[in-house]
Every structure is written in structure tokens, then in C-alpha cells.
Amino acid sequence: MTTWQPPETAPKDRMILASTGWPWPVVAKWSEYQGEWVTAQLEGNLCEGKDDPSFVTEYELTLVGWMELPEVVRG
């Protein structure tokens, strides 16, 4: 699958690559507890002048589209 699929067809039982309106896709997984999609975005920081990346998680109510994660990531 290489094109964005309709959001209403997104599987809620596994991680997916999601389009949420950002200029880049993000990894997402449905949270049954929250009733929303949880997304992870890489954030770049500096700590004492050195690169210190981290992930930020956010909740999204809706998706614009979705794709399967590449096999190497799902592995």
C-alpha cells in the first residue's frame, strides 16, 4: 500500500503511518481508553550543546489518511 487510505478504514489493532495534518507522517496507534489516536513525533533538543532527541506523544481525534508501516518497522 503506497497511497493514503481513507481514515475510516484505519485499523485500530496495530501501529500505522498516519497523516494528521502535519507536513510529515507520524506513527499512530488507537487508544481504546482515550478513544483517540496516539501519535509519536521526534523532537530535536539541545542539552549542554549536544543533540538530545526525544519523542513527544499527542492525541488526535481524527486522521486525514493512513498507510501500513513498512515491514522493516513492523518486524
PDB file of N, CA and C in Angstrom:
ATOM      1  N   MET A   1       0.852  -1.170   0.000  1.00  0.00           N
ATOM      2  CA  MET A   1       0.000   0.000   0.000  1.00  0.00           C
ATOM      3  C   MET A   1       0.901   1.238   0.000  1.00  0.00           C
ATOM      4  N   THR A   2       0.794   2.085  -0.994  1.00  0.00           N
ATOM      5  CA  THR A   2       1.681   3.242  -1.089  1.00  0.00           C
ATOM      6  C   THR A   2       0.936   4.567  -1.196  1.00  0.00           C
ATOM      7  N   THR A   3      -0.371   4.543  -1.126  1.00  0.00           N
ATOM      8  CA  THR A   3      -1.134   5.791  -1.147  1.00  0.00           C
ATOM      9  C   THR A   3      -1.945   5.890   0.145  1.00  0.00           C
ATOM     10  N   TRP A   4      -2.283   7.105   0.519  1.00  0.00           N
ATOM     11  CA  TRP A   4      -3.079   7.305   1.729  1.00  0.00           C
ATOM     12  C   TRP A   4      -4.438   6.653   1.560  1.00  0.00           C
ATOM     13  N   GLN A   5      -4.835   5.926   2.567  1.00  0.00           N
ATOM     14  CA  GLN A   5      -6.136   5.257   2.594  1.00  0.00           C
ATOM     15  C   GLN A   5      -7.116   6.114   3.384  1.00  0.00           C
ATOM     16  N   PRO A   6      -8.429   5.941   3.138  1.00  0.00           N
ATOM     17  CA  PRO A   6      -9.423   6.733   3.869  1.00  0.00           C
ATOM     18  C   PRO A   6      -9.324   6.508   5.379  1.00  0.00           C
ATOM     19  N   PRO A   7      -9.448   7.561   6.165  1.00  0.00           N
ATOM     20  CA  PRO A   7      -9.283   7.448   7.614  1.00  0.00           C
ATOM     21  C   PRO A   7     -10.248   6.460   8.265  1.00  0.00           C
ATOM     22  N   GLU A   8     -11.457   6.340   7.743  1.00  0.00           N
ATOM     23  CA  GLU A   8     -12.439   5.439   8.366  1.00  0.00           C
ATOM     24  C   GLU A   8     -12.066   3.962   8.217  1.00  0.00           C
ATOM     25  N   THR A   9     -11.093   3.660   7.350  1.00  0.00           N
ATOM     26  CA  THR A   9     -10.660   2.267   7.178  1.00  0.00           C
ATOM     27  C   THR A   9      -9.414   1.933   7.993  1.00  0.00           C
ATOM     28  N   ALA A  10      -8.912   2.876   8.778  1.00  0.00           N
ATOM     29  CA  ALA A  10      -7.680   2.658   9.544  1.00  0.00           C
ATOM     30  C   ALA A  10      -7.876   1.556  10.582  1.00  0.00           C
ATOM     31  N   PRO A  11      -6.964   0.581  10.613  1.00  0.00           N
ATOM     32  CA  PRO A  11      -7.062  -0.492  11.602  1.00  0.00           C
ATOM     33  C   PRO A  11      -6.707   0.020  12.996  1.00  0.00           C
ATOM     34  N   LYS A  12      -7.470  -0.395  13.969  1.00  0.00           N
ATOM     35  CA  LYS A  12      -7.251   0.070  15.337  1.00  0.00           C
ATOM     36  C   LYS A  12      -6.540  -0.975  16.194  1.00  0.00           C
ATOM     37  N   ASP A  13      -6.032  -2.033  15.561  1.00  0.00           N
ATOM     38  CA  ASP A  13      -5.392  -3.106  16.322  1.00  0.00           C
ATOM     39  C   ASP A  13      -3.875  -3.144  16.153  1.00  0.00           C
ATOM     40  N   ARG A  14      -3.301  -2.119  15.485  1.00  0.00           N
ATOM     41  CA  ARG A  14      -1.853  -2.102  15.274  1.00  0.00           C
ATOM     42  C   ARG A  14      -1.382  -0.679  14.968  1.00  0.00           C
ATOM     43  N   MET A  15      -0.062  -0.490  14.999  1.00  0.00           N
ATOM     44  CA  MET A  15       0.501   0.808  14.647  1.00  0.00           C
ATOM     45  C   MET A  15       0.385   1.028  13.142  1.00  0.00           C
ATOM     46  N   ILE A  16       0.191   2.278  12.766  1.00  0.00           N
ATOM     47  CA  ILE A  16       0.091   2.663  11.356  1.00  0.00           C
ATOM     48  C   ILE A  16       0.904   3.927  11.129  1.00  0.00           C
ATOM     49  N   LEU A  17       1.097   4.263   9.874  1.00  0.00           N
ATOM     50  CA  LEU A  17       1.661   5.545   9.487  1.00  0.00           C
ATOM     51  C   LEU A  17       0.471   6.450   9.196  1.00  0.00           C
ATOM     52  N   ALA A  18       0.410   7.586   9.870  1.00  0.00           N
ATOM     53  CA  ALA A  18      -0.786   8.427   9.794  1.00  0.00           C
ATOM     54  C   ALA A  18      -0.491   9.815   9.252  1.00  0.00           C
ATOM     55  N   SER A  19      -1.459  10.328   8.504  1.00  0.00           N
ATOM     56  CA  SER A  19      -1.462  11.724   8.089  1.00  0.00           C
ATOM     57  C   SER A  19      -2.472  12.424   8.991  1.00  0.00           C
ATOM     58  N   THR A  20      -1.993  13.413   9.765  1.00  0.00           N
ATOM     59  CA  THR A  20      -2.861  14.098  10.725  1.00  0.00           C
ATOM     60  C   THR A  20      -2.970  15.595  10.457  1.00  0.00           C
ATOM     61  N   GLY A  21      -2.431  16.032   9.332  1.00  0.00           N
ATOM     62  CA  GLY A  21      -2.448  17.458   9.020  1.00  0.00           C
ATOM     63  C   GLY A  21      -1.078  18.102   9.121  1.00  0.00           C
ATOM     64  N   TRP A  22      -0.121  17.437   9.782  1.00  0.00           N
ATOM     65  CA  TRP A  22       1.250  17.929   9.806  1.00  0.00           C
ATOM     66  C   TRP A  22       1.849  17.770   8.416  1.00  0.00           C
ATOM     67  N   PRO A  23       2.926  18.471   8.097  1.00  0.00           N
ATOM     68  CA  PRO A  23       3.563  18.316   6.780  1.00  0.00           C
ATOM     69  C   PRO A  23       4.281  16.973   6.611  1.00  0.00           C
ATOM     70  N   TRP A  24       4.357  16.156   7.671  1.00  0.00           N
ATOM     71  CA  TRP A  24       5.026  14.860   7.611  1.00  0.00           C
ATOM     72  C   TRP A  24       4.124  13.812   8.264  1.00  0.00           C
ATOM     73  N   PRO A  25       4.293  12.561   7.861  1.00  0.00           N
ATOM     74  CA  PRO A  25       3.516  11.487   8.501  1.00  0.00           C
ATOM     75  C   PRO A  25       4.078  11.144   9.875  1.00  0.00           C
ATOM     76  N   VAL A  26       3.248  10.553  10.717  1.00  0.00           N
ATOM     77  CA  VAL A  26       3.650  10.151  12.063  1.00  0.00           C
ATOM     78  C   VAL A  26       3.182   8.722  12.329  1.00  0.00           C
ATOM     79  N   VAL A  27       3.844   8.053  13.266  1.00  0.00           N
ATOM     80  CA  VAL A  27       3.393   6.739  13.713  1.00  0.00           C
ATOM     81  C   VAL A  27       2.209   6.950  14.646  1.00  0.00           C
ATOM     82  N   ALA A  28       1.181   6.118  14.495  1.00  0.00           N
ATOM     83  CA  ALA A  28      -0.012   6.261  15.333  1.00  0.00           C
ATOM     84  C   ALA A  28      -0.544   4.895  15.747  1.00  0.00           C
ATOM     85  N   LYS A  29      -1.230   4.885  16.878  1.00  0.00           N
ATOM     86  CA  LYS A  29      -1.901   3.679  17.387  1.00  0.00           C
ATOM     87  C   LYS A  29      -3.162   4.140  18.087  1.00  0.00           C
ATOM     88  N   TRP A  30      -4.274   3.400  17.900  1.00  0.00           N
ATOM     89  CA  TRP A  30      -5.543   3.742  18.524  1.00  0.00           C
ATOM     90  C   TRP A  30      -5.488   3.442  20.019  1.00  0.00           C
ATOM     91  N   SER A  31      -5.967   4.361  20.830  1.00  0.00           N
ATOM     92  CA  SER A  31      -6.087   4.157  22.268  1.00  0.00           C
ATOM     93  C   SER A  31      -7.555   3.905  22.592  1.00  0.00           C
ATOM     94  N   GLU A  32      -7.871   2.664  22.943  1.00  0.00           N
ATOM     95  CA  GLU A  32      -9.245   2.348  23.321  1.00  0.00           C
ATOM     96  C   GLU A  32      -9.669   3.148  24.544  1.00  0.00           C
ATOM     97  N   TYR A  33      -8.756   3.300  25.477  1.00  0.00           N
ATOM     98  CA  TYR A  33      -9.048   4.025  26.712  1.00  0.00           C
ATOM     99  C   TYR A  33      -9.424   5.479  26.427  1.00  0.00           C
ATOM    100  N   GLN A  34      -8.612   6.168  25.613  1.00  0.00           N
ATOM    101  CA  GLN A  34      -8.852   7.582  25.309  1.00  0.00           C
ATOM    102  C   GLN A  34      -9.893   7.774  24.212  1.00  0.00           C
ATOM    103  N   GLY A  35     -10.060   6.749  23.347  1.00  0.00           N
ATOM    104  CA  GLY A  35     -10.966   6.894  22.204  1.00  0.00           C
ATOM    105  C   GLY A  35     -10.406   7.839  21.159  1.00  0.00           C
ATOM    106  N   GLU A  36      -9.057   7.913  21.096  1.00  0.00           N
ATOM    107  CA  GLU A  36      -8.367   8.789  20.148  1.00  0.00           C
ATOM    108  C   GLU A  36      -7.119   8.089  19.639  1.00  0.00           C
ATOM    109  N   TRP A  37      -6.558   8.631  18.575  1.00  0.00           N
ATOM    110  CA  TRP A  37      -5.293   8.145  18.056  1.00  0.00           C
ATOM    111  C   TRP A  37      -4.158   8.756  18.854  1.00  0.00           C
ATOM    112  N   VAL A  38      -3.157   7.956  19.191  1.00  0.00           N
ATOM    113  CA  VAL A  38      -1.952   8.428  19.862  1.00  0.00           C
ATOM    114  C   VAL A  38      -0.866   8.498  18.801  1.00  0.00           C
ATOM    115  N   THR A  39      -0.194   9.642  18.694  1.00  0.00           N
ATOM    116  CA  THR A  39       0.864   9.795  17.701  1.00  0.00           C
ATOM    117  C   THR A  39       2.196  10.049  18.391  1.00  0.00           C
ATOM    118  N   ALA A  40       3.268   9.673  17.710  1.00  0.00           N
ATOM    119  CA  ALA A  40       4.621   9.901  18.221  1.00  0.00           C
ATOM    120  C   ALA A  40       5.385  10.743  17.217  1.00  0.00           C
ATOM    121  N   GLN A  41       5.984  11.815  17.699  1.00  0.00           N
ATOM    122  CA  GLN A  41       6.778  12.680  16.832  1.00  0.00           C
ATOM    123  C   GLN A  41       8.160  12.868  17.451  1.00  0.00           C
ATOM    124  N   LEU A  42       9.172  12.793  16.614  1.00  0.00           N
ATOM    125  CA  LEU A  42      10.540  13.012  17.064  1.00  0.00           C
ATOM    126  C   LEU A  42      10.759  14.506  17.269  1.00  0.00           C
ATOM    127  N   GLU A  43      11.323  14.844  18.416  1.00  0.00           N
ATOM    128  CA  GLU A  43      11.578  16.239  18.759  1.00  0.00           C
ATOM    129  C   GLU A  43      13.080  16.417  18.949  1.00  0.00           C
ATOM    130  N   GLY A  44      13.618  17.448  18.356  1.00  0.00           N
ATOM    131  CA  GLY A  44      15.042  17.724  18.500  1.00  0.00           C
ATOM    132  C   GLY A  44      15.299  18.735  19.600  1.00  0.00           C
ATOM    133  N   ASN A  45      16.206  18.414  20.485  1.00  0.00           N
ATOM    134  CA  ASN A  45      16.574  19.304  21.584  1.00  0.00           C
ATOM    135  C   ASN A  45      18.086  19.384  21.687  1.00  0.00           C
ATOM    136  N   LEU A  46      18.555  20.406  22.368  1.00  0.00           N
ATOM    137  CA  LEU A  46      19.968  20.507  22.710  1.00  0.00           C
ATOM    138  C   LEU A  46      20.088  20.517  24.225  1.00  0.00           C
ATOM    139  N   CYS A  47      21.062  19.782  24.723  1.00  0.00           N
ATOM    140  CA  CYS A  47      21.352  19.761  26.151  1.00  0.00           C
ATOM    141  C   CYS A  47      22.859  19.961  26.311  1.00  0.00           C
ATOM    142  N   GLU A  48      23.248  21.058  26.904  1.00  0.00           N
ATOM    143  CA  GLU A  48      24.657  21.409  27.064  1.00  0.00           C
ATOM    144  C   GLU A  48      25.389  21.379  25.722  1.00  0.00           C
ATOM    145  N   GLY A  49      24.709  21.870  24.678  1.00  0.00           N
ATOM    146  CA  GLY A  49      25.300  21.967  23.353  1.00  0.00           C
ATOM    147  C   GLY A  49      25.329  20.680  22.561  1.00  0.00           C
ATOM    148  N   LYS A  50      24.733  19.607  23.086  1.00  0.00           N
ATOM    149  CA  LYS A  50      24.731  18.322  22.391  1.00  0.00           C
ATOM    150  C   LYS A  50      23.313  17.936  21.998  1.00  0.00           C
ATOM    151  N   ASP A  51      23.218  17.229  20.864  1.00  0.00           N
ATOM    152  CA  ASP A  51      21.925  16.756  20.376  1.00  0.00           C
ATOM    153  C   ASP A  51      21.292  15.818  21.404  1.00  0.00           C
ATOM    154  N   ASP A  52      20.032  16.055  21.745  1.00  0.00           N
ATOM    155  CA  ASP A  52      19.327  15.242  22.728  1.00  0.00           C
ATOM    156  C   ASP A  52      17.892  15.008  22.243  1.00  0.00           C
ATOM    157  N   PRO A  53      17.701  14.099  21.260  1.00  0.00           N
ATOM    158  CA  PRO A  53      16.365  13.889  20.711  1.00  0.00           C
ATOM    159  C   PRO A  53      15.446  13.152  21.689  1.00  0.00           C
ATOM    160  N   SER A  54      14.143  13.343  21.499  1.00  0.00           N
ATOM    161  CA  SER A  54      13.147  12.639  22.304  1.00  0.00           C
ATOM    162  C   SER A  54      11.875  12.500  21.472  1.00  0.00           C
ATOM    163  N   PHE A  55      10.946  11.708  21.980  1.00  0.00           N
ATOM    164  CA  PHE A  55       9.652  11.565  21.324  1.00  0.00           C
ATOM    165  C   PHE A  55       8.593  12.287  22.137  1.00  0.00           C
ATOM    166  N   VAL A  56       7.664  12.913  21.437  1.00  0.00           N
ATOM    167  CA  VAL A  56       6.527  13.575  22.049  1.00  0.00           C
ATOM    168  C   VAL A  56       5.286  12.822  21.595  1.00  0.00           C
ATOM    169  N   THR A  57       4.416  12.460  22.519  1.00  0.00           N
ATOM    170  CA  THR A  57       3.167  11.808  22.137  1.00  0.00           C
ATOM    171  C   THR A  57       2.011  12.784  22.299  1.00  0.00           C
ATOM    172  N   GLU A  58       1.086  12.689  21.373  1.00  0.00           N
ATOM    173  CA  GLU A  58      -0.093  13.550  21.396  1.00  0.00           C
ATOM    174  C   GLU A  58      -1.303  12.717  21.004  1.00  0.00           C
ATOM    175  N   TYR A  59      -2.479  13.192  21.382  1.00  0.00           N
ATOM    176  CA  TYR A  59      -3.720  12.535  20.975  1.00  0.00           C
ATOM    177  C   TYR A  59      -4.326  13.298  19.807  1.00  0.00           C
ATOM    178  N   GLU A  60      -4.834  12.554  18.839  1.00  0.00           N
ATOM    179  CA  GLU A  60      -5.502  13.130  17.669  1.00  0.00           C
ATOM    180  C   GLU A  60      -6.887  12.495  17.566  1.00  0.00           C
ATOM    181  N   LEU A  61      -7.920  13.299  17.424  1.00  0.00           N
ATOM    182  CA  LEU A  61      -9.261  12.748  17.269  1.00  0.00           C
ATOM    183  C   LEU A  61      -9.480  12.147  15.888  1.00  0.00           C
ATOM    184  N   THR A  62      -8.903  12.762  14.887  1.00  0.00           N
ATOM    185  CA  THR A  62      -9.170  12.308  13.526  1.00  0.00           C
ATOM    186  C   THR A  62      -7.885  12.163  12.731  1.00  0.00           C
ATOM    187  N   LEU A  63      -7.953  11.319  11.737  1.00  0.00           N
ATOM    188  CA  LEU A  63      -6.864  11.151  10.780  1.00  0.00           C
ATOM    189  C   LEU A  63      -7.290  11.736   9.446  1.00  0.00           C
ATOM    190  N   VAL A  64      -6.325  12.179   8.661  1.00  0.00           N
ATOM    191  CA  VAL A  64      -6.582  12.617   7.289  1.00  0.00           C
ATOM    192  C   VAL A  64      -6.482  11.407   6.374  1.00  0.00           C
ATOM    193  N   GLY A  65      -5.553  10.507   6.684  1.00  0.00           N
ATOM    194  CA  GLY A  65      -5.342   9.282   5.928  1.00  0.00           C
ATOM    195  C   GLY A  65      -4.368   8.389   6.673  1.00  0.00           C
ATOM    196  N   TRP A  66      -4.155   7.188   6.140  1.00  0.00           N
ATOM    197  CA  TRP A  66      -3.245   6.255   6.799  1.00  0.00           C
ATOM    198  C   TRP A  66      -2.618   5.316   5.773  1.00  0.00           C
ATOM    199  N   MET A  67      -1.483   4.709   6.182  1.00  0.00           N
ATOM    200  CA  MET A  67      -0.776   3.683   5.408  1.00  0.00           C
ATOM    201  C   MET A  67      -0.256   2.631   6.377  1.00  0.00           C
ATOM    202  N   GLU A  68      -0.010   1.436   5.847  1.00  0.00           N
ATOM    203  CA  GLU A  68       0.665   0.414   6.639  1.00  0.00           C
ATOM    204  C   GLU A  68       2.098   0.869   6.885  1.00  0.00           C
ATOM    205  N   LEU A  69       2.646   0.499   8.029  1.00  0.00           N
ATOM    206  CA  LEU A  69       4.071   0.732   8.276  1.00  0.00           C
ATOM    207  C   LEU A  69       4.876  -0.207   7.391  1.00  0.00           C
ATOM    208  N   PRO A  70       6.045   0.198   6.942  1.00  0.00           N
ATOM    209  CA  PRO A  70       6.892  -0.706   6.177  1.00  0.00           C
ATOM    210  C   PRO A  70       7.228  -1.946   7.013  1.00  0.00           C
ATOM    211  N   GLU A  71       7.379  -3.087   6.375  1.00  0.00           N
ATOM    212  CA  GLU A  71       7.649  -4.355   7.053  1.00  0.00           C
ATOM    213  C   GLU A  71       8.848  -4.259   7.989  1.00  0.00           C
ATOM    214  N   VAL A  72       9.883  -3.561   7.586  1.00  0.00           N
ATOM    215  CA  VAL A  72      11.078  -3.454   8.412  1.00  0.00           C
ATOM    216  C   VAL A  72      10.784  -2.794   9.758  1.00  0.00           C
ATOM    217  N   VAL A  73       9.815  -1.901   9.814  1.00  0.00           N
ATOM    218  CA  VAL A  73       9.443  -1.233  11.051  1.00  0.00           C
ATOM    219  C   VAL A  73       8.533  -2.141  11.895  1.00  0.00           C
ATOM    220  N   ARG A  74       7.615  -2.859  11.241  1.00  0.00           N
ATOM    221  CA  ARG A  74       6.682  -3.719  11.964  1.00  0.00           C
ATOM    222  C   ARG A  74       7.379  -4.929  12.560  1.00  0.00           C
ATOM    223  N   GLY A  75       8.475  -5.397  11.887  1.00  0.00           N
ATOM    224  CA  GLY A  75       9.225  -6.587  12.170  1.00  0.00           C
ATOM    225  C   GLY A  75       9.224  -7.111  13.506  1.00  0.00           C
TER     226      GLY A  75
END
